[in-house]
Each structure stands twice: as C-alpha cells, then as structure tokens.
Amino acid sequence: MAHAPQVKIPATYMRGGTSKGVFFRLEDLPLDARQPGPARDALLLRVIGSPDPYGKHTDGMGGATSSTSKVVIISRSEREGHDVDYLFGQVSIDSPFIDWSGNCGNLSAAVGPFAIGAGLIDAAKLPDDGTATVTIWQANIGKTIVAHVPMRAGNVQETGDFELDGVTFPAAEIQVEFMDPAADEDDGGGALFPTGNVVDELDVPGVGRLKATMINAGIPTIFLEATALGYTGTELQDHINGDAKALATFETIRAHGALRMGLITDVAQAAQRQHTPKIAFVAPPADYTASSGKQVQSDQIDLLVRALSMGKLHHAMMGTAAVAIGTAAAIPGTLVNTAAGGGTRNAVRFGHPSGTLRVGAEATLENGQWVVTKALMSRSARILMEGWVRVPGDAF
C-alpha cells in the first residue's frame, strides 16, 4: 500500500501574551489551503494534532489547552491604512473543528512581530531603534488593531523586563490598541449591548434566572455574578475544571446567552461556535493566592474576574475578554462596573487565576448610546521556533 510523503510548510511557533500558536504566511500555505474551506481546516487540524481523543496533542504542535490550540494566518493587506490581514483559528482539541468566529487578543500581540520578521512590513516604516507601529486588519471580526512593537538594531526587540502574570519569564512590552472594539450592527447580535440593556435577566432551563451583562466588545462575552453561581471569584483552574457538573452548567448558560445575544438561532448551534461567546463571572476585590503562589491583595485590584474558554476555566485571561472587561468596566451599571465599585472609570486592574492585569477603555455616551473608541493593554510576544511544520501529504 502506497503512503503519501510528508509535506513541508514554512511556519513559526510563537507566544503572544498568555497564548501560543502556529503562525503562517498565507502565501506559504499549499494552494488548496490559501482560501477558506475543508482543505484549509484539514491541514491546520493536522498541524495542531486534532482531533485527539486522548486530549494530549501528542502528534501535533498543539498544547492540548484552549490557550495553545491555535493557528494564525497573516498576509499583506490590500485594505487602505492597514499593513497586514490577520486571521485566527481556535482549534478544537477533541473534535475535527476550527472556530473562525472570533479573535485571540493574546496572539494579537504577536502579529506585529511576526509580520516584521516575515518581511510583510515595508522596510521604510521600520525604525532601526524605537517603536514600529503596525496596523492590523483583524479579518475574523472586521476590526482594526494597532500594535506598537519595540525595535532595536533593525530587529524586533523580544527580550526585556516587562512582566505579565501567566507568563513565566519577562520580555519586551508591546502595547496593543483595539480600535472601535464593539461589534457592528450587521455582525450578528447587534452592537455593543445586543439586547439594548447593560444588565439582563437570563432564564436558563435547569439553572434558573441569572443577572447577566452581555456585551460585544473585543469578543462577545457574557458576564455573571460569582455569588449567583456559588463562587467567590477567587477560584483557580482546578476548582472549576475538575467539576464536570459545573462545566456543563456553564456551557448551558453560554448556549442560552448566545441565543439571547443573537449569535445563534438555536441553542444546539452553540456546539459549533465554541470560541464565542465567552462566559465569565465577576466579584468585588478579595485577597487570594494565584496559581503561581503569588499573593494578590484586595487593595491591588479593582475586581475579580474568572473566564472560561473552550469549555474550561482559563489559566489567566483571554486578551479579547480583557477588552470586554475594560469596556464593561467603563460603563456604569454593568455587572463588571458594579463589581469594581461603580462610577466612571477609564481603566481597571482585575485579578485572574494567574495574577493581575490592567486594561483601559475609552467609552462615551452619545445620543443615549454607549460608544467605545478603543481599548488598550500591554502584552509581550516571542518567537519560540521557526522553520517548517510537516504534515502527511494526504491529510488535506
């Protein structure tokens, strides 16, 4: 029996924020995979090693967590005022599925450095020393991201002393601006608040009635009160991820929230939209011990947030969810704003399982509607490995 040889594809393995993934230039992909469709999905699933019934990604580049089961495709942008187009895929671990419905805020920090290193940015725009501004078109959600990338001696500066909770080693700081992060009216689910309310009552069969802030900023997110779920907001991963009943409850709430937000038309469709919406719970500040052993004091933070991604509690915080947190915190009356003490604010520092994170947002009330012009945060990124990935030639 003949077996197809492996195919070599140029790729870069990168960390961005508290996530990592496999990055490709669009032009380096095999012809059949340069456009959306089954061939592209099959190829990228095989790169990551999904689906894996063992949940380990032993035969691929994935790390068997929502934070490390990711792929990115970058190309020069033909859109005016933008340098590159950025397409993100969240790869399911145990099913043959890639969710293209949202962005990864953490990996957004790695797009600028990758694009510079891959020769996708005009050399005239790059300073030998200083900061390169890379304007990115986020193709999944149709939004602009501006990355401010440090440069030294004509190359991206990757090392530095910027510390990010959830990442073991320090690196160079990259400031990332998410411009006009609210969803557009025609994106499904409406604009910033798809129901028109900053707080709704969500009636979930088998769970009951829950207060919820449902917001489309950065990524569609459903915020709940920790106390309503029997939590304190200080929980770490093992408290949630080892509880199958709790995970099932969160998924049920997420499905009904997605329906209420207009992202799906039937709750059964939530299974094919695993990346969005996110679900999170909030609480006022409290002392706790982070997963690293770091002591987080209540006076160091404005509120507590715990968020789930791909059915599991995230080890830190998704970047796009942080955008949603910053945006909701800036708008009086949301559950996030209330947990942070209420009032008007343009930045919050919140506690997550790995430590703390500060995120800012600019929100104004215009003609009775809240408008968010941008959200911003600092991240870091680093190339872990570059060269080629290999996949069996008959995999796609």
Protein backbone atom coordinates (compact mmCIF):
# COMPACT_ATOMS: atom_id res chain seq x y z
CA MET A 1 0.00 0.00 0.00
CA ALA A 2 1.38 3.41 -1.02
CA HIS A 3 1.64 6.14 1.58
CA ALA A 4 1.87 9.85 0.84
CA PRO A 5 5.11 11.52 1.92
CA GLN A 6 5.07 14.43 4.33
CA VAL A 7 4.77 17.99 3.09
CA LYS A 8 6.98 20.81 4.46
CA ILE A 9 5.28 24.15 5.15
CA PRO A 10 7.12 27.24 6.45
CA ALA A 11 5.78 28.17 9.88
CA THR A 12 6.66 30.00 13.09
CA TYR A 13 5.71 28.90 16.59
CA MET A 14 5.05 31.99 18.71
CA ARG A 15 3.94 33.03 22.13
CA GLY A 16 1.70 36.06 22.31
CA GLY A 17 0.55 37.16 25.75
CA THR A 18 -0.56 34.07 27.67
CA SER A 19 -1.25 32.05 24.49
CA LYS A 20 0.84 30.43 21.80
CA GLY A 21 0.11 29.19 18.32
CA VAL A 22 1.44 28.26 14.90
CA PHE A 23 1.79 31.25 12.53
CA PHE A 24 1.78 31.04 8.73
CA ARG A 25 2.16 33.47 5.88
CA LEU A 26 -0.82 32.97 3.59
CA GLU A 27 1.50 32.73 0.59
CA ASP A 28 3.37 29.80 2.17
CA LEU A 29 0.31 27.57 2.51
CA PRO A 30 -0.39 24.92 -0.14
CA LEU A 31 -2.64 26.30 -2.89
CA ASP A 32 -5.73 24.41 -1.72
CA ALA A 33 -5.35 25.89 1.75
CA ARG A 34 -4.96 29.53 0.73
CA GLN A 35 -8.70 30.04 0.84
CA PRO A 36 -11.28 29.11 3.48
CA GLY A 37 -12.73 25.64 3.25
CA PRO A 38 -12.31 21.96 4.10
CA ALA A 39 -8.75 21.69 2.75
CA ARG A 40 -7.50 24.55 4.92
CA ASP A 41 -9.25 23.23 8.01
CA ALA A 42 -7.99 19.68 7.45
CA LEU A 43 -4.42 20.91 7.04
CA LEU A 44 -4.45 23.06 10.16
CA LEU A 45 -6.16 20.39 12.24
CA ARG A 46 -3.34 18.01 11.30
CA VAL A 47 -0.71 20.64 12.14
CA ILE A 48 -2.12 21.02 15.65
CA GLY A 49 -2.80 17.29 16.09
CA SER A 50 -6.58 17.43 16.31
CA PRO A 51 -8.90 15.77 16.87
CA ASP A 52 -7.16 13.90 19.67
CA PRO A 53 -9.37 11.57 21.73
CA TYR A 54 -6.53 11.34 24.26
CA GLY A 55 -6.59 15.11 24.74
CA LYS A 56 -2.78 15.45 24.55
CA HIS A 57 -1.91 16.68 21.02
CA THR A 58 0.98 14.23 21.04
CA ASP A 59 1.04 14.02 17.23
CA GLY A 60 0.96 17.75 16.52
CA MET A 61 2.03 21.23 17.53
CA GLY A 62 -0.88 21.93 19.86
CA GLY A 63 -0.58 22.07 23.62
CA ALA A 64 -3.96 20.47 24.39
CA THR A 65 -5.39 23.58 26.05
CA SER A 66 -7.55 26.40 24.70
CA SER A 67 -4.53 28.71 25.11
CA THR A 68 -2.23 26.59 22.97
CA SER A 69 -4.51 25.06 20.34
CA LYS A 70 -4.38 27.98 17.93
CA VAL A 71 -3.40 28.86 14.36
CA VAL A 72 -2.81 32.22 12.69
CA ILE A 73 -2.60 33.20 9.01
CA ILE A 74 -1.03 36.55 8.07
CA SER A 75 -0.90 38.29 4.69
CA ARG A 76 -0.13 41.74 3.31
CA SER A 77 -3.25 43.86 3.48
CA GLU A 78 -4.89 45.47 0.48
CA ARG A 79 -7.11 47.49 2.82
CA GLU A 80 -6.22 51.18 2.90
CA GLY A 81 -4.36 52.23 6.02
CA HIS A 82 -3.52 48.68 7.09
CA ASP A 83 -0.28 46.76 6.89
CA VAL A 84 -1.41 43.15 7.28
CA ASP A 85 -4.53 41.00 7.48
CA TYR A 86 -4.71 38.67 10.48
CA LEU A 87 -6.91 35.56 10.53
CA PHE A 88 -7.20 33.49 13.71
CA GLY A 89 -8.42 29.92 14.17
CA GLN A 90 -9.29 28.33 17.52
CA VAL A 91 -8.73 24.61 17.04
CA SER A 92 -10.89 22.16 18.92
CA ILE A 93 -8.92 19.56 20.82
CA ASP A 94 -11.23 16.55 20.62
CA SER A 95 -13.33 17.22 17.51
CA PRO A 96 -12.49 17.98 13.85
CA PHE A 97 -13.46 21.63 14.09
CA ILE A 98 -11.82 25.06 13.81
CA ASP A 99 -13.78 28.04 15.10
CA TRP A 100 -13.15 31.12 12.96
CA SER A 101 -15.83 33.25 14.69
CA GLY A 102 -13.60 35.44 16.86
CA ASN A 103 -10.19 36.89 17.58
CA CYS A 104 -7.43 35.96 20.03
CA GLY A 105 -6.39 39.08 21.89
CA ASN A 106 -3.25 37.49 23.28
CA LEU A 107 -1.93 36.36 19.92
CA SER A 108 -2.80 39.81 18.54
CA ALA A 109 0.37 40.97 20.31
CA ALA A 110 2.44 38.54 18.24
CA VAL A 111 1.05 39.60 14.85
CA GLY A 112 3.19 42.74 14.56
CA PRO A 113 6.46 41.00 15.47
CA PHE A 114 5.69 38.10 13.14
CA ALA A 115 4.78 40.41 10.25
CA ILE A 116 8.02 42.37 10.68
CA GLY A 117 10.16 39.26 10.87
CA ALA A 118 8.36 37.67 7.92
CA GLY A 119 9.07 40.63 5.65
CA LEU A 120 5.43 41.69 5.36
CA ILE A 121 6.01 45.29 6.51
CA ASP A 122 7.63 47.87 4.25
CA ALA A 123 11.17 48.48 5.46
CA ALA A 124 10.67 52.26 5.22
CA LYS A 125 8.15 52.04 8.08
CA LEU A 126 10.55 50.31 10.43
CA PRO A 127 12.93 52.32 12.63
CA ASP A 128 16.32 50.86 13.47
CA ASP A 129 15.67 51.75 17.10
CA GLY A 130 12.43 52.87 18.66
CA THR A 131 8.86 51.71 18.11
CA ALA A 132 7.30 50.33 14.93
CA THR A 133 3.58 50.91 14.53
CA VAL A 134 1.85 48.02 12.77
CA THR A 135 -1.78 48.49 11.73
CA ILE A 136 -3.59 45.17 11.57
CA TRP A 137 -6.90 44.23 10.00
CA GLN A 138 -8.48 41.52 12.18
CA ALA A 139 -10.25 39.55 9.46
CA ASN A 140 -12.40 37.35 11.73
CA ILE A 141 -14.32 40.27 13.22
CA GLY A 142 -13.55 43.09 10.79
CA LYS A 143 -11.75 45.37 13.22
CA THR A 144 -8.51 47.34 13.38
CA ILE A 145 -5.73 46.59 15.87
CA VAL A 146 -2.69 48.81 16.27
CA ALA A 147 0.44 47.19 17.70
CA HIS A 148 3.38 49.23 18.97
CA VAL A 149 6.40 46.96 18.57
CA PRO A 150 9.80 47.82 20.11
CA MET A 151 12.75 47.71 17.70
CA ARG A 152 16.49 47.50 18.33
CA ALA A 153 19.24 47.47 15.71
CA GLY A 154 16.68 46.96 12.94
CA ASN A 155 15.06 43.90 14.52
CA VAL A 156 12.12 43.29 16.78
CA GLN A 157 13.16 43.54 20.41
CA GLU A 158 11.84 40.43 22.13
CA THR A 159 13.71 40.41 25.42
CA GLY A 160 13.02 42.90 28.19
CA ASP A 161 11.85 43.34 31.75
CA PHE A 162 8.07 43.58 31.22
CA GLU A 163 6.35 41.00 33.41
CA LEU A 164 2.96 39.54 32.54
CA ASP A 165 1.16 37.35 35.06
CA GLY A 166 0.55 33.98 33.45
CA VAL A 167 3.89 34.08 31.59
CA THR A 168 6.94 32.72 33.41
CA PHE A 169 9.69 34.94 32.02
CA PRO A 170 9.85 38.70 31.35
CA ALA A 171 10.04 40.07 27.81
CA ALA A 172 9.72 43.33 25.87
CA GLU A 173 6.45 45.22 26.27
CA ILE A 174 4.12 45.53 23.28
CA GLN A 175 1.23 47.96 23.56
CA VAL A 176 -1.87 46.84 21.70
CA GLU A 177 -4.82 49.07 20.84
CA PHE A 178 -8.13 47.53 19.83
CA MET A 179 -9.88 50.23 17.83
CA ASP A 180 -13.67 50.58 17.88
CA PRO A 181 -13.92 47.17 19.59
CA ALA A 182 -17.73 46.97 19.73
CA ALA A 183 -19.43 44.69 17.21
CA ASP A 184 -21.07 46.29 14.20
CA GLU A 185 -24.82 46.07 13.78
CA ASP A 186 -24.53 43.56 10.94
CA ASP A 187 -22.06 41.27 12.70
CA GLY A 188 -24.80 39.23 14.37
CA GLY A 189 -26.08 40.05 17.81
CA GLY A 190 -26.19 43.80 17.25
CA ALA A 191 -23.81 46.41 18.57
CA LEU A 192 -22.19 46.92 21.97
CA PHE A 193 -25.14 45.61 24.01
CA PRO A 194 -27.12 43.25 21.75
CA THR A 195 -30.23 43.37 23.94
CA GLY A 196 -30.03 47.12 24.42
CA ASN A 197 -29.52 46.68 28.18
CA VAL A 198 -26.41 46.86 30.35
CA VAL A 199 -27.90 44.13 32.57
CA ASP A 200 -30.44 41.47 31.61
CA GLU A 201 -32.13 38.59 33.37
CA LEU A 202 -31.17 35.37 31.65
CA ASP A 203 -33.58 32.48 32.17
CA VAL A 204 -31.62 29.24 31.77
CA PRO A 205 -33.52 25.91 31.89
CA GLY A 206 -32.23 23.74 34.73
CA VAL A 207 -30.21 26.63 36.17
CA GLY A 208 -32.68 29.42 36.89
CA ARG A 209 -32.71 33.18 36.43
CA LEU A 210 -29.37 34.95 36.42
CA LYS A 211 -28.38 38.56 36.04
CA ALA A 212 -26.08 38.94 33.05
CA THR A 213 -24.21 41.65 31.21
CA MET A 214 -23.95 40.57 27.59
CA ILE A 215 -21.52 42.67 25.61
CA ASN A 216 -19.92 42.64 22.16
CA ALA A 217 -16.53 44.27 22.66
CA GLY A 218 -13.29 42.54 21.76
CA ILE A 219 -15.24 39.31 21.74
CA PRO A 220 -18.88 38.55 22.61
CA THR A 221 -18.88 37.92 26.36
CA ILE A 222 -21.46 37.00 29.00
CA PHE A 223 -20.66 38.31 32.48
CA LEU A 224 -22.32 36.79 35.55
CA GLU A 225 -22.12 37.40 39.29
CA ALA A 226 -19.87 34.93 41.09
CA THR A 227 -22.16 34.75 44.14
CA ALA A 228 -25.16 33.79 41.97
CA LEU A 229 -23.20 30.72 40.87
CA GLY A 230 -21.98 29.82 44.35
CA TYR A 231 -18.44 31.12 43.76
CA THR A 232 -16.28 33.81 45.35
CA GLY A 233 -14.32 34.91 42.28
CA THR A 234 -11.04 33.69 43.77
CA GLU A 235 -11.27 30.21 42.18
CA LEU A 236 -8.33 28.67 40.33
CA GLN A 237 -8.49 26.24 37.41
CA ASP A 238 -8.78 23.05 39.46
CA HIS A 239 -11.80 24.41 41.34
CA ILE A 240 -13.78 24.58 38.10
CA ASN A 241 -12.18 22.28 35.56
CA GLY A 242 -12.37 19.24 37.83
CA ASP A 243 -16.12 19.70 38.26
CA ALA A 244 -17.93 18.17 35.28
CA LYS A 245 -21.31 19.36 36.52
CA ALA A 246 -20.07 22.95 36.80
CA LEU A 247 -18.61 22.88 33.29
CA ALA A 248 -21.87 21.52 31.89
CA THR A 249 -23.78 24.28 33.69
CA PHE A 250 -21.51 26.97 32.26
CA GLU A 251 -21.96 25.54 28.76
CA THR A 252 -25.73 25.56 29.15
CA ILE A 253 -25.65 29.18 30.29
CA ARG A 254 -23.30 30.07 27.42
CA ALA A 255 -25.60 28.47 24.85
CA HIS A 256 -28.68 30.32 26.09
CA GLY A 257 -26.71 33.55 26.35
CA ALA A 258 -25.52 33.14 22.75
CA LEU A 259 -29.13 32.71 21.70
CA ARG A 260 -30.19 35.84 23.62
CA MET A 261 -27.31 37.78 22.03
CA GLY A 262 -28.45 36.79 18.55
CA LEU A 263 -25.24 34.92 17.78
CA ILE A 264 -27.13 31.70 17.09
CA THR A 265 -30.74 30.86 16.24
CA ASP A 266 -30.93 27.58 18.17
CA VAL A 267 -29.13 26.53 21.37
CA ALA A 268 -27.84 23.40 19.62
CA GLN A 269 -25.72 25.63 17.36
CA ALA A 270 -23.54 26.64 20.33
CA ALA A 271 -21.61 23.37 19.96
CA GLN A 272 -20.36 24.60 16.57
CA ARG A 273 -19.43 28.01 17.98
CA GLN A 274 -17.13 27.03 20.82
CA HIS A 275 -14.87 30.09 20.73
CA THR A 276 -17.67 32.64 21.10
CA PRO A 277 -19.29 33.91 23.18
CA LYS A 278 -17.03 33.73 26.21
CA ILE A 279 -18.52 33.37 29.67
CA ALA A 280 -17.08 34.94 32.81
CA PHE A 281 -18.03 35.68 36.41
CA VAL A 282 -17.09 38.71 38.48
CA ALA A 283 -16.83 39.67 42.13
CA PRO A 284 -15.57 42.61 44.23
CA PRO A 285 -11.89 42.59 45.26
CA ALA A 286 -10.66 39.95 47.72
CA ASP A 287 -7.31 38.52 48.81
CA TYR A 288 -6.27 35.26 47.15
CA THR A 289 -3.27 33.17 46.18
CA ALA A 290 -2.64 32.98 42.43
CA SER A 291 -1.71 29.73 40.70
CA SER A 292 1.99 30.73 40.81
CA GLY A 293 1.83 31.16 44.57
CA LYS A 294 1.81 34.95 44.25
CA GLN A 295 -0.26 36.71 46.89
CA VAL A 296 -2.82 39.09 45.40
CA GLN A 297 -4.15 41.65 47.87
CA SER A 298 -7.59 43.18 47.54
CA ASP A 299 -6.17 46.70 47.56
CA GLN A 300 -4.10 45.87 44.45
CA ILE A 301 -7.13 45.24 42.24
CA ASP A 302 -10.49 46.76 41.35
CA LEU A 303 -12.37 43.48 40.93
CA LEU A 304 -12.04 39.72 40.40
CA VAL A 305 -12.77 38.04 37.06
CA ARG A 306 -12.71 34.39 36.08
CA ALA A 307 -13.38 33.44 32.45
CA LEU A 308 -13.91 30.21 30.55
CA SER A 309 -12.57 29.44 27.09
CA MET A 310 -13.45 26.39 25.00
CA GLY A 311 -15.32 24.87 27.94
CA LYS A 312 -12.60 25.25 30.59
CA LEU A 313 -11.58 27.93 33.07
CA HIS A 314 -8.72 29.91 31.52
CA HIS A 315 -5.40 29.86 33.39
CA ALA A 316 -5.12 33.65 33.14
CA MET A 317 -7.27 35.86 30.90
CA MET A 318 -8.01 35.88 27.19
CA GLY A 319 -6.92 39.16 25.62
CA THR A 320 -10.22 39.73 23.87
CA ALA A 321 -12.11 39.02 27.09
CA ALA A 322 -9.87 41.60 28.77
CA VAL A 323 -11.10 44.09 26.16
CA ALA A 324 -14.67 43.18 27.10
CA ILE A 325 -13.80 43.60 30.80
CA GLY A 326 -12.25 47.02 30.26
CA THR A 327 -15.16 48.16 28.13
CA ALA A 328 -17.84 46.91 30.53
CA ALA A 329 -15.98 48.41 33.49
CA ALA A 330 -16.07 51.81 31.81
CA ILE A 331 -19.87 51.77 31.50
CA PRO A 332 -21.87 52.44 34.69
CA GLY A 333 -24.40 49.82 35.67
CA THR A 334 -22.84 46.73 34.11
CA LEU A 335 -22.06 43.83 36.41
CA VAL A 336 -18.37 44.42 35.77
CA ASN A 337 -18.61 48.10 36.65
CA THR A 338 -20.64 47.32 39.77
CA ALA A 339 -18.13 44.70 40.96
CA ALA A 340 -15.40 47.32 40.51
CA GLY A 341 -17.25 49.75 42.76
CA GLY A 342 -19.31 51.62 40.18
CA GLY A 343 -18.80 55.10 38.82
CA THR A 344 -16.97 56.30 35.76
CA ARG A 345 -13.52 54.86 35.03
CA ASN A 346 -11.23 54.51 32.03
CA ALA A 347 -9.08 51.64 33.34
CA VAL A 348 -9.30 48.73 35.76
CA ARG A 349 -6.87 46.26 37.24
CA PHE A 350 -8.52 42.90 37.77
CA GLY A 351 -7.45 39.69 39.44
CA HIS A 352 -7.41 36.46 37.41
CA PRO A 353 -6.16 32.95 38.30
CA SER A 354 -2.52 33.76 37.43
CA GLY A 355 -2.35 37.24 38.94
CA THR A 356 -3.46 40.68 37.78
CA LEU A 357 -3.92 42.62 34.56
CA ARG A 358 -4.64 46.25 33.79
CA VAL A 359 -6.81 47.17 30.80
CA GLY A 360 -8.12 50.54 29.69
CA ALA A 361 -11.06 51.60 27.55
CA GLU A 362 -12.46 54.90 26.30
CA ALA A 363 -16.27 54.97 26.42
CA THR A 364 -18.65 57.88 25.89
CA LEU A 365 -22.42 58.28 25.91
CA GLU A 366 -23.61 59.63 22.56
CA ASN A 367 -27.29 60.18 21.82
CA GLY A 368 -28.22 57.81 24.61
CA GLN A 369 -25.94 55.02 23.33
CA TRP A 370 -22.57 53.95 24.69
CA VAL A 371 -19.73 54.20 22.19
CA VAL A 372 -16.27 52.73 22.76
CA THR A 373 -13.48 54.21 20.67
CA LYS A 374 -10.70 51.89 21.75
CA ALA A 375 -9.41 49.53 24.40
CA LEU A 376 -5.75 49.10 25.19
CA MET A 377 -3.45 46.80 27.10
CA SER A 378 0.17 45.72 27.26
CA ARG A 379 1.35 42.28 26.26
CA SER A 380 4.57 40.63 25.16
CA ALA A 381 5.46 38.16 22.41
CA ARG A 382 8.36 35.96 21.41
CA ILE A 383 9.32 33.57 18.63
CA LEU A 384 9.73 30.10 20.13
CA MET A 385 10.73 28.25 16.97
CA GLU A 386 10.78 28.86 13.24
CA GLY A 387 11.29 26.65 10.23
CA TRP A 388 8.79 24.17 8.80
CA VAL A 389 5.96 22.05 10.04
CA ARG A 390 5.44 18.71 8.37
CA VAL A 391 2.13 17.03 7.70
CA PRO A 392 1.27 13.88 5.77
CA GLY A 393 0.50 14.80 2.16
CA ASP A 394 -2.86 13.05 2.23
CA ALA A 395 -4.04 14.92 5.37
CA PHE A 396 -5.71 17.65 3.32
